[in-house]
Amino acid sequence: MGLPSKKRTPRSRDERRSHHALKETASKKCEKCAAPVLAHRACAKCGTYKGRQIIDVEKRLKRSVKSKKTA
């Protein structure tokens, strides 16, 4: 089994890891309420996606409040 003949310097180690940095998330504004939304996801504030109502936000909010009361 081969062994390294020389020690890697911190600089060469860090240069090798240069692509490990986190990338910024791509977000856009909701067409209806202008809240920031991740791409290809429904808006959490108003429940729309591509201009259509997908999620009934009021119903979902009532359900979460109800489940918190019972817990």
PDB file of N, CA and C in Angstrom:
ATOM      1  N   MET A   1       0.835  -1.174   0.000  1.00  0.00           N
ATOM      2  CA  MET A   1       0.000   0.000   0.000  1.00  0.00           C
ATOM      3  C   MET A   1       0.884   1.243   0.000  1.00  0.00           C
ATOM      4  N   GLY A   2       0.603   2.165  -0.890  1.00  0.00           N
ATOM      5  CA  GLY A   2       1.420   3.359  -1.009  1.00  0.00           C
ATOM      6  C   GLY A   2       1.147   4.366   0.090  1.00  0.00           C
ATOM      7  N   LEU A   3       2.195   5.068   0.468  1.00  0.00           N
ATOM      8  CA  LEU A   3       2.081   6.122   1.472  1.00  0.00           C
ATOM      9  C   LEU A   3       2.484   7.441   0.851  1.00  0.00           C
ATOM     10  N   PRO A   4       1.963   8.560   1.345  1.00  0.00           N
ATOM     11  CA  PRO A   4       2.380   9.843   0.796  1.00  0.00           C
ATOM     12  C   PRO A   4       3.840  10.111   1.116  1.00  0.00           C
ATOM     13  N   SER A   5       4.592  10.540   0.114  1.00  0.00           N
ATOM     14  CA  SER A   5       6.015  10.783   0.335  1.00  0.00           C
ATOM     15  C   SER A   5       6.260  12.144   0.972  1.00  0.00           C
ATOM     16  N   LYS A   6       5.310  13.084   0.802  1.00  0.00           N
ATOM     17  CA  LYS A   6       5.450  14.408   1.394  1.00  0.00           C
ATOM     18  C   LYS A   6       4.130  14.850   2.001  1.00  0.00           C
ATOM     19  N   LYS A   7       4.238  15.688   3.004  1.00  0.00           N
ATOM     20  CA  LYS A   7       3.050  16.191   3.690  1.00  0.00           C
ATOM     21  C   LYS A   7       2.352  17.243   2.814  1.00  0.00           C
ATOM     22  N   ARG A   8       1.033  17.198   2.782  1.00  0.00           N
ATOM     23  CA  ARG A   8       0.267  18.232   2.068  1.00  0.00           C
ATOM     24  C   ARG A   8       0.301  19.515   2.870  1.00  0.00           C
ATOM     25  N   THR A   9       0.566  20.608   2.205  1.00  0.00           N
ATOM     26  CA  THR A   9       0.585  21.899   2.893  1.00  0.00           C
ATOM     27  C   THR A   9      -0.854  22.361   3.107  1.00  0.00           C
ATOM     28  N   PRO A  10      -1.063  23.217   4.115  1.00  0.00           N
ATOM     29  CA  PRO A  10      -2.417  23.742   4.322  1.00  0.00           C
ATOM     30  C   PRO A  10      -2.975  24.446   3.086  1.00  0.00           C
ATOM     31  N   ARG A  11      -2.125  25.114   2.344  1.00  0.00           N
ATOM     32  CA  ARG A  11      -2.585  25.820   1.152  1.00  0.00           C
ATOM     33  C   ARG A  11      -3.107  24.842   0.102  1.00  0.00           C
ATOM     34  N   SER A  12      -2.372  23.783  -0.174  1.00  0.00           N
ATOM     35  CA  SER A  12      -2.823  22.833  -1.191  1.00  0.00           C
ATOM     36  C   SER A  12      -4.069  22.084  -0.727  1.00  0.00           C
ATOM     37  N   ARG A  13      -4.150  21.825   0.586  1.00  0.00           N
ATOM     38  CA  ARG A  13      -5.345  21.187   1.141  1.00  0.00           C
ATOM     39  C   ARG A  13      -6.568  22.087   0.938  1.00  0.00           C
ATOM     40  N   ASP A  14      -6.411  23.387   1.238  1.00  0.00           N
ATOM     41  CA  ASP A  14      -7.528  24.321   1.120  1.00  0.00           C
ATOM     42  C   ASP A  14      -7.901  24.569  -0.342  1.00  0.00           C
ATOM     43  N   GLU A  15      -6.916  24.577  -1.229  1.00  0.00           N
ATOM     44  CA  GLU A  15      -7.215  24.740  -2.647  1.00  0.00           C
ATOM     45  C   GLU A  15      -8.015  23.552  -3.173  1.00  0.00           C
ATOM     46  N   ARG A  16      -7.738  22.390  -2.663  1.00  0.00           N
ATOM     47  CA  ARG A  16      -8.466  21.203  -3.080  1.00  0.00           C
ATOM     48  C   ARG A  16      -9.922  21.280  -2.623  1.00  0.00           C
ATOM     49  N   ARG A  17     -10.165  21.912  -1.492  1.00  0.00           N
ATOM     50  CA  ARG A  17     -11.502  22.020  -0.925  1.00  0.00           C
ATOM     51  C   ARG A  17     -12.246  23.281  -1.360  1.00  0.00           C
ATOM     52  N   SER A  18     -11.748  23.980  -2.333  1.00  0.00           N
ATOM     53  CA  SER A  18     -12.333  25.266  -2.701  1.00  0.00           C
ATOM     54  C   SER A  18     -13.775  25.136  -3.191  1.00  0.00           C
ATOM     55  N   HIS A  19     -14.137  24.002  -3.755  1.00  0.00           N
ATOM     56  CA  HIS A  19     -15.501  23.823  -4.269  1.00  0.00           C
ATOM     57  C   HIS A  19     -16.452  23.291  -3.203  1.00  0.00           C
ATOM     58  N   HIS A  20     -16.016  23.152  -1.965  1.00  0.00           N
ATOM     59  CA  HIS A  20     -16.877  22.657  -0.888  1.00  0.00           C
ATOM     60  C   HIS A  20     -17.722  23.754  -0.250  1.00  0.00           C
ATOM     61  N   ALA A  21     -17.570  24.973  -0.672  1.00  0.00           N
ATOM     62  CA  ALA A  21     -18.299  26.090  -0.073  1.00  0.00           C
ATOM     63  C   ALA A  21     -19.797  25.963  -0.342  1.00  0.00           C
ATOM     64  N   LEU A  22     -20.602  26.494   0.569  1.00  0.00           N
ATOM     65  CA  LEU A  22     -22.051  26.477   0.401  1.00  0.00           C
ATOM     66  C   LEU A  22     -22.468  27.459  -0.684  1.00  0.00           C
ATOM     67  N   LYS A  23     -23.482  27.083  -1.433  1.00  0.00           N
ATOM     68  CA  LYS A  23     -23.987  27.953  -2.485  1.00  0.00           C
ATOM     69  C   LYS A  23     -25.221  28.691  -1.980  1.00  0.00           C
ATOM     70  N   GLU A  24     -25.423  29.887  -2.473  1.00  0.00           N
ATOM     71  CA  GLU A  24     -26.573  30.692  -2.069  1.00  0.00           C
ATOM     72  C   GLU A  24     -27.849  30.101  -2.657  1.00  0.00           C
ATOM     73  N   THR A  25     -28.906  30.044  -1.848  1.00  0.00           N
ATOM     74  CA  THR A  25     -30.163  29.488  -2.325  1.00  0.00           C
ATOM     75  C   THR A  25     -30.853  30.471  -3.260  1.00  0.00           C
ATOM     76  N   ALA A  26     -31.421  29.938  -4.326  1.00  0.00           N
ATOM     77  CA  ALA A  26     -32.120  30.776  -5.299  1.00  0.00           C
ATOM     78  C   ALA A  26     -33.567  30.939  -4.860  1.00  0.00           C
ATOM     79  N   SER A  27     -33.955  32.164  -4.567  1.00  0.00           N
ATOM     80  CA  SER A  27     -35.336  32.427  -4.188  1.00  0.00           C
ATOM     81  C   SER A  27     -35.888  33.540  -5.067  1.00  0.00           C
ATOM     82  N   LYS A  28     -37.211  33.571  -5.148  1.00  0.00           N
ATOM     83  CA  LYS A  28     -37.869  34.618  -5.928  1.00  0.00           C
ATOM     84  C   LYS A  28     -39.053  35.125  -5.127  1.00  0.00           C
ATOM     85  N   LYS A  29     -39.715  36.160  -5.626  1.00  0.00           N
ATOM     86  CA  LYS A  29     -40.870  36.716  -4.932  1.00  0.00           C
ATOM     87  C   LYS A  29     -42.137  36.062  -5.455  1.00  0.00           C
ATOM     88  N   CYS A  30     -43.075  35.846  -4.545  1.00  0.00           N
ATOM     89  CA  CYS A  30     -44.383  35.299  -4.910  1.00  0.00           C
ATOM     90  C   CYS A  30     -45.108  36.319  -5.787  1.00  0.00           C
ATOM     91  N   GLU A  31     -45.784  35.828  -6.813  1.00  0.00           N
ATOM     92  CA  GLU A  31     -46.505  36.722  -7.727  1.00  0.00           C
ATOM     93  C   GLU A  31     -47.681  37.399  -7.049  1.00  0.00           C
ATOM     94  N   LYS A  32     -48.284  36.728  -6.078  1.00  0.00           N
ATOM     95  CA  LYS A  32     -49.491  37.254  -5.449  1.00  0.00           C
ATOM     96  C   LYS A  32     -49.182  38.131  -4.232  1.00  0.00           C
ATOM     97  N   CYS A  33     -48.347  37.634  -3.306  1.00  0.00           N
ATOM     98  CA  CYS A  33     -48.147  38.362  -2.045  1.00  0.00           C
ATOM     99  C   CYS A  33     -46.733  38.931  -1.891  1.00  0.00           C
ATOM    100  N   ALA A  34     -45.844  38.694  -2.830  1.00  0.00           N
ATOM    101  CA  ALA A  34     -44.473  39.216  -2.850  1.00  0.00           C
ATOM    102  C   ALA A  34     -43.614  38.710  -1.690  1.00  0.00           C
ATOM    103  N   ALA A  35     -43.965  37.565  -1.120  1.00  0.00           N
ATOM    104  CA  ALA A  35     -43.139  36.949  -0.076  1.00  0.00           C
ATOM    105  C   ALA A  35     -42.024  36.152  -0.745  1.00  0.00           C
ATOM    106  N   PRO A  36     -40.847  36.044  -0.120  1.00  0.00           N
ATOM    107  CA  PRO A  36     -39.780  35.240  -0.724  1.00  0.00           C
ATOM    108  C   PRO A  36     -40.147  33.755  -0.713  1.00  0.00           C
ATOM    109  N   VAL A  37     -39.943  33.087  -1.866  1.00  0.00           N
ATOM    110  CA  VAL A  37     -40.313  31.684  -2.031  1.00  0.00           C
ATOM    111  C   VAL A  37     -39.162  30.958  -2.726  1.00  0.00           C
ATOM    112  N   LEU A  38     -38.886  29.721  -2.301  1.00  0.00           N
ATOM    113  CA  LEU A  38     -37.905  28.906  -3.007  1.00  0.00           C
ATOM    114  C   LEU A  38     -38.461  28.528  -4.379  1.00  0.00           C
ATOM    115  N   ALA A  39     -37.584  28.348  -5.338  1.00  0.00           N
ATOM    116  CA  ALA A  39     -38.000  28.023  -6.690  1.00  0.00           C
ATOM    117  C   ALA A  39     -38.697  26.667  -6.734  1.00  0.00           C
ATOM    118  N   HIS A  40     -39.714  26.541  -7.551  1.00  0.00           N
ATOM    119  CA  HIS A  40     -40.484  25.314  -7.765  1.00  0.00           C
ATOM    120  C   HIS A  40     -41.180  24.821  -6.497  1.00  0.00           C
ATOM    121  N   ARG A  41     -41.583  25.746  -5.640  1.00  0.00           N
ATOM    122  CA  ARG A  41     -42.310  25.399  -4.417  1.00  0.00           C
ATOM    123  C   ARG A  41     -43.508  26.333  -4.279  1.00  0.00           C
ATOM    124  N   ALA A  42     -44.543  25.875  -3.614  1.00  0.00           N
ATOM    125  CA  ALA A  42     -45.717  26.709  -3.367  1.00  0.00           C
ATOM    126  C   ALA A  42     -45.394  27.718  -2.271  1.00  0.00           C
ATOM    127  N   CYS A  43     -46.019  28.874  -2.338  1.00  0.00           N
ATOM    128  CA  CYS A  43     -45.809  29.931  -1.344  1.00  0.00           C
ATOM    129  C   CYS A  43     -46.426  29.502  -0.017  1.00  0.00           C
ATOM    130  N   ALA A  44     -45.686  29.651   1.067  1.00  0.00           N
ATOM    131  CA  ALA A  44     -46.183  29.265   2.387  1.00  0.00           C
ATOM    132  C   ALA A  44     -47.173  30.287   2.933  1.00  0.00           C
ATOM    133  N   LYS A  45     -47.097  31.530   2.494  1.00  0.00           N
ATOM    134  CA  LYS A  45     -47.979  32.587   2.994  1.00  0.00           C
ATOM    135  C   LYS A  45     -49.372  32.530   2.380  1.00  0.00           C
ATOM    136  N   CYS A  46     -49.433  32.407   1.040  1.00  0.00           N
ATOM    137  CA  CYS A  46     -50.746  32.460   0.381  1.00  0.00           C
ATOM    138  C   CYS A  46     -51.136  31.143  -0.283  1.00  0.00           C
ATOM    139  N   GLY A  47     -50.216  30.200  -0.436  1.00  0.00           N
ATOM    140  CA  GLY A  47     -50.540  28.887  -0.977  1.00  0.00           C
ATOM    141  C   GLY A  47     -50.673  28.814  -2.483  1.00  0.00           C
ATOM    142  N   THR A  48     -50.104  29.767  -3.217  1.00  0.00           N
ATOM    143  CA  THR A  48     -50.206  29.741  -4.675  1.00  0.00           C
ATOM    144  C   THR A  48     -48.927  29.215  -5.295  1.00  0.00           C
ATOM    145  N   TYR A  49     -49.073  28.631  -6.493  1.00  0.00           N
ATOM    146  CA  TYR A  49     -47.937  28.174  -7.290  1.00  0.00           C
ATOM    147  C   TYR A  49     -48.275  28.418  -8.746  1.00  0.00           C
ATOM    148  N   LYS A  50     -47.434  29.160  -9.423  1.00  0.00           N
ATOM    149  CA  LYS A  50     -47.638  29.537 -10.830  1.00  0.00           C
ATOM    150  C   LYS A  50     -48.996  30.207 -11.044  1.00  0.00           C
ATOM    151  N   GLY A  51     -49.401  31.045 -10.086  1.00  0.00           N
ATOM    152  CA  GLY A  51     -50.634  31.803 -10.225  1.00  0.00           C
ATOM    153  C   GLY A  51     -51.897  31.042  -9.860  1.00  0.00           C
ATOM    154  N   ARG A  52     -51.771  29.767  -9.462  1.00  0.00           N
ATOM    155  CA  ARG A  52     -52.946  28.974  -9.102  1.00  0.00           C
ATOM    156  C   ARG A  52     -52.941  28.705  -7.599  1.00  0.00           C
ATOM    157  N   GLN A  53     -54.125  28.613  -7.009  1.00  0.00           N
ATOM    158  CA  GLN A  53     -54.270  28.301  -5.582  1.00  0.00           C
ATOM    159  C   GLN A  53     -54.074  26.801  -5.406  1.00  0.00           C
ATOM    160  N   ILE A  54     -53.021  26.402  -4.690  1.00  0.00           N
ATOM    161  CA  ILE A  54     -52.693  24.995  -4.514  1.00  0.00           C
ATOM    162  C   ILE A  54     -53.009  24.535  -3.092  1.00  0.00           C
ATOM    163  N   ILE A  55     -52.668  25.352  -2.108  1.00  0.00           N
ATOM    164  CA  ILE A  55     -52.818  25.000  -0.700  1.00  0.00           C
ATOM    165  C   ILE A  55     -53.826  25.929  -0.050  1.00  0.00           C
ATOM    166  N   ASP A  56     -54.751  25.374   0.721  1.00  0.00           N
ATOM    167  CA  ASP A  56     -55.685  26.181   1.498  1.00  0.00           C
ATOM    168  C   ASP A  56     -54.995  26.528   2.821  1.00  0.00           C
ATOM    169  N   VAL A  57     -54.415  27.714   2.893  1.00  0.00           N
ATOM    170  CA  VAL A  57     -53.582  28.118   4.023  1.00  0.00           C
ATOM    171  C   VAL A  57     -54.402  28.249   5.301  1.00  0.00           C
ATOM    172  N   GLU A  58     -55.605  28.787   5.206  1.00  0.00           N
ATOM    173  CA  GLU A  58     -56.444  28.973   6.400  1.00  0.00           C
ATOM    174  C   GLU A  58     -56.800  27.622   7.016  1.00  0.00           C
ATOM    175  N   LYS A  59     -57.152  26.654   6.193  1.00  0.00           N
ATOM    176  CA  LYS A  59     -57.493  25.318   6.672  1.00  0.00           C
ATOM    177  C   LYS A  59     -56.289  24.670   7.345  1.00  0.00           C
ATOM    178  N   ARG A  60     -55.127  24.823   6.740  1.00  0.00           N
ATOM    179  CA  ARG A  60     -53.898  24.253   7.293  1.00  0.00           C
ATOM    180  C   ARG A  60     -53.545  24.907   8.625  1.00  0.00           C
ATOM    181  N   LEU A  61     -53.742  26.219   8.732  1.00  0.00           N
ATOM    182  CA  LEU A  61     -53.451  26.943   9.970  1.00  0.00           C
ATOM    183  C   LEU A  61     -54.372  26.486  11.092  1.00  0.00           C
ATOM    184  N   LYS A  62     -55.676  26.343  10.784  1.00  0.00           N
ATOM    185  CA  LYS A  62     -56.632  25.869  11.793  1.00  0.00           C
ATOM    186  C   LYS A  62     -56.265  24.476  12.278  1.00  0.00           C
ATOM    187  N   ARG A  63     -55.851  23.606  11.359  1.00  0.00           N
ATOM    188  CA  ARG A  63     -55.488  22.245  11.712  1.00  0.00           C
ATOM    189  C   ARG A  63     -54.255  22.219  12.622  1.00  0.00           C
ATOM    190  N   SER A  64     -53.258  23.078  12.337  1.00  0.00           N
ATOM    191  CA  SER A  64     -52.060  23.102  13.192  1.00  0.00           C
ATOM    192  C   SER A  64     -52.364  23.667  14.577  1.00  0.00           C
ATOM    193  N   VAL A  65     -53.249  24.658  14.658  1.00  0.00           N
ATOM    194  CA  VAL A  65     -53.636  25.221  15.960  1.00  0.00           C
ATOM    195  C   VAL A  65     -54.388  24.173  16.762  1.00  0.00           C
ATOM    196  N   LYS A  66     -55.274  23.437  16.094  1.00  0.00           N
ATOM    197  CA  LYS A  66     -56.057  22.407  16.762  1.00  0.00           C
ATOM    198  C   LYS A  66     -55.155  21.294  17.308  1.00  0.00           C
ATOM    199  N   SER A  67     -54.147  20.898  16.524  1.00  0.00           N
ATOM    200  CA  SER A  67     -53.253  19.832  16.972  1.00  0.00           C
ATOM    201  C   SER A  67     -52.366  20.293  18.133  1.00  0.00           C
ATOM    202  N   LYS A  68     -52.036  21.590  18.182  1.00  0.00           N
ATOM    203  CA  LYS A  68     -51.231  22.106  19.287  1.00  0.00           C
ATOM    204  C   LYS A  68     -52.035  22.150  20.583  1.00  0.00           C
ATOM    205  N   LYS A  69     -53.351  22.391  20.466  1.00  0.00           N
ATOM    206  CA  LYS A  69     -54.195  22.420  21.661  1.00  0.00           C
ATOM    207  C   LYS A  69     -54.306  21.046  22.290  1.00  0.00           C
ATOM    208  N   THR A  70     -54.427  20.005  21.472  1.00  0.00           N
ATOM    209  CA  THR A  70     -54.585  18.646  21.997  1.00  0.00           C
ATOM    210  C   THR A  70     -53.279  18.105  22.550  1.00  0.00           C
ATOM    211  N   ALA A  71     -52.154  18.602  22.086  1.00  0.00           N
ATOM    212  CA  ALA A  71     -50.849  18.081  22.520  1.00  0.00           C
ATOM    213  C   ALA A  71     -50.442  18.586  23.887  1.00  0.00           C
TER     214      ALA A  71
END
